[in-house]
């Protein structure tokens, strides 16, 4: 998916912490996780696996 090294991920998280602040970061993570979960379930409904 993304080819990010651990150092690059750390830099991205540090910038997010500086921009959003420590109070908003957990809310953002929760919202992002919920969005990804909903997207995955919608894709699975649309294209079910045939086993």
N, C-alpha and C. Protein backbone atom coordinates (compact mmCIF):
# COMPACT_ATOMS: atom_id res chain seq x y z
N UNK A 1 0.84 -1.18 0.00
CA UNK A 1 0.00 0.00 0.00
C UNK A 1 0.89 1.25 0.00
N UNK A 2 1.39 1.61 1.15
CA UNK A 2 2.32 2.74 1.23
C UNK A 2 3.67 2.20 1.64
N UNK A 3 4.70 2.69 1.02
CA UNK A 3 6.05 2.27 1.37
C UNK A 3 6.68 3.32 2.27
N UNK A 4 6.27 3.30 3.55
CA UNK A 4 6.82 4.24 4.52
C UNK A 4 7.72 3.50 5.49
N UNK A 5 8.89 4.04 5.70
CA UNK A 5 9.79 3.47 6.69
C UNK A 5 9.31 3.90 8.09
N UNK A 6 9.78 3.25 9.13
CA UNK A 6 9.40 3.65 10.48
C UNK A 6 9.78 5.11 10.79
N UNK A 7 10.89 5.56 10.25
CA UNK A 7 11.32 6.95 10.47
C UNK A 7 10.33 7.92 9.82
N UNK A 8 9.90 7.62 8.60
CA UNK A 8 8.95 8.49 7.90
C UNK A 8 7.60 8.51 8.63
N UNK A 9 7.18 7.34 9.13
CA UNK A 9 5.92 7.29 9.88
C UNK A 9 6.02 8.12 11.15
N UNK A 10 7.16 8.08 11.79
CA UNK A 10 7.37 8.88 13.00
C UNK A 10 7.30 10.36 12.70
N UNK A 11 7.87 10.78 11.60
CA UNK A 11 7.83 12.20 11.21
C UNK A 11 6.39 12.63 10.93
N UNK A 12 5.63 11.78 10.22
CA UNK A 12 4.23 12.09 9.92
C UNK A 12 3.43 12.21 11.22
N UNK A 13 3.64 11.28 12.16
CA UNK A 13 2.92 11.34 13.44
C UNK A 13 3.32 12.57 14.25
N UNK A 14 4.59 12.93 14.21
CA UNK A 14 5.04 14.12 14.93
C UNK A 14 4.40 15.38 14.35
N UNK A 15 4.35 15.48 13.04
CA UNK A 15 3.71 16.65 12.41
C UNK A 15 2.23 16.69 12.75
N UNK A 16 1.56 15.52 12.71
CA UNK A 16 0.14 15.47 13.07
C UNK A 16 -0.06 15.90 14.51
N UNK A 17 0.82 15.49 15.40
CA UNK A 17 0.72 15.89 16.80
C UNK A 17 0.89 17.38 16.96
N UNK A 18 1.82 17.97 16.24
CA UNK A 18 2.04 19.41 16.32
C UNK A 18 0.88 20.20 15.73
N UNK A 19 0.31 19.72 14.63
CA UNK A 19 -0.77 20.44 13.96
C UNK A 19 -2.08 20.29 14.71
N UNK A 20 -2.42 19.07 15.09
CA UNK A 20 -3.72 18.81 15.69
C UNK A 20 -3.72 18.95 17.21
N UNK A 21 -2.62 18.71 17.83
CA UNK A 21 -2.55 18.76 19.28
C UNK A 21 -2.88 17.40 19.88
N UNK A 22 -2.48 17.20 21.13
CA UNK A 22 -2.68 15.90 21.75
C UNK A 22 -4.15 15.56 22.04
N UNK A 23 -5.01 16.54 22.14
CA UNK A 23 -6.42 16.27 22.44
C UNK A 23 -7.17 15.74 21.23
N UNK A 24 -6.85 16.22 20.05
CA UNK A 24 -7.58 15.83 18.83
C UNK A 24 -7.04 14.57 18.18
N UNK A 25 -5.80 14.19 18.45
CA UNK A 25 -5.19 13.05 17.77
C UNK A 25 -5.92 11.73 18.02
N UNK A 26 -6.31 11.40 19.26
CA UNK A 26 -7.06 10.15 19.46
C UNK A 26 -8.42 10.15 18.76
N UNK A 27 -9.08 11.29 18.73
CA UNK A 27 -10.36 11.39 18.03
C UNK A 27 -10.17 11.16 16.54
N UNK A 28 -9.11 11.69 15.99
CA UNK A 28 -8.81 11.50 14.57
C UNK A 28 -8.53 10.04 14.26
N UNK A 29 -7.77 9.38 15.10
CA UNK A 29 -7.47 7.96 14.91
C UNK A 29 -8.73 7.11 14.97
N UNK A 30 -9.59 7.39 15.93
CA UNK A 30 -10.85 6.65 16.06
C UNK A 30 -11.73 6.86 14.83
N UNK A 31 -11.82 8.09 14.39
CA UNK A 31 -12.63 8.40 13.21
C UNK A 31 -12.07 7.74 11.97
N UNK A 32 -10.77 7.76 11.81
CA UNK A 32 -10.13 7.14 10.65
C UNK A 32 -10.34 5.63 10.67
N UNK A 33 -10.20 5.01 11.83
CA UNK A 33 -10.43 3.57 11.95
C UNK A 33 -11.86 3.18 11.62
N UNK A 34 -12.81 3.97 12.09
CA UNK A 34 -14.23 3.72 11.80
C UNK A 34 -14.50 3.85 10.30
N UNK A 35 -13.92 4.86 9.68
CA UNK A 35 -14.11 5.07 8.24
C UNK A 35 -13.54 3.91 7.44
N UNK A 36 -12.35 3.45 7.78
CA UNK A 36 -11.75 2.32 7.07
C UNK A 36 -12.59 1.07 7.26
N UNK A 37 -13.08 0.84 8.47
CA UNK A 37 -13.92 -0.32 8.73
C UNK A 37 -15.20 -0.30 7.91
N UNK A 38 -15.86 0.86 7.84
CA UNK A 38 -17.07 0.99 7.05
C UNK A 38 -16.79 0.78 5.57
N UNK A 39 -15.68 1.29 5.09
CA UNK A 39 -15.30 1.11 3.69
C UNK A 39 -15.07 -0.37 3.38
N UNK A 40 -14.37 -1.07 4.26
CA UNK A 40 -14.11 -2.48 4.04
C UNK A 40 -15.40 -3.29 4.02
N UNK A 41 -16.33 -3.00 4.93
CA UNK A 41 -17.58 -3.76 4.94
C UNK A 41 -18.41 -3.44 3.70
N UNK A 42 -18.38 -2.21 3.22
CA UNK A 42 -19.11 -1.87 2.00
C UNK A 42 -18.52 -2.58 0.79
N UNK A 43 -17.21 -2.69 0.73
CA UNK A 43 -16.56 -3.40 -0.37
C UNK A 43 -16.91 -4.89 -0.31
N UNK A 44 -16.93 -5.47 0.88
CA UNK A 44 -17.25 -6.88 1.02
C UNK A 44 -18.70 -7.16 0.66
N UNK A 45 -19.60 -6.23 0.95
CA UNK A 45 -21.00 -6.39 0.55
C UNK A 45 -21.13 -6.32 -0.97
N UNK A 46 -20.42 -5.41 -1.56
CA UNK A 46 -20.51 -5.20 -3.01
C UNK A 46 -19.84 -6.33 -3.78
N UNK A 47 -18.71 -6.80 -3.30
CA UNK A 47 -17.95 -7.86 -3.96
C UNK A 47 -17.71 -9.00 -2.98
N UNK A 48 -18.70 -9.84 -2.74
CA UNK A 48 -18.52 -10.93 -1.76
C UNK A 48 -17.51 -11.96 -2.27
N UNK A 49 -16.80 -12.55 -1.33
CA UNK A 49 -15.82 -13.59 -1.68
C UNK A 49 -16.58 -14.87 -2.00
N UNK A 50 -16.19 -15.51 -3.06
CA UNK A 50 -16.79 -16.78 -3.45
C UNK A 50 -15.85 -17.90 -3.03
N UNK A 51 -16.25 -18.64 -2.01
CA UNK A 51 -15.38 -19.71 -1.51
C UNK A 51 -15.94 -21.04 -1.85
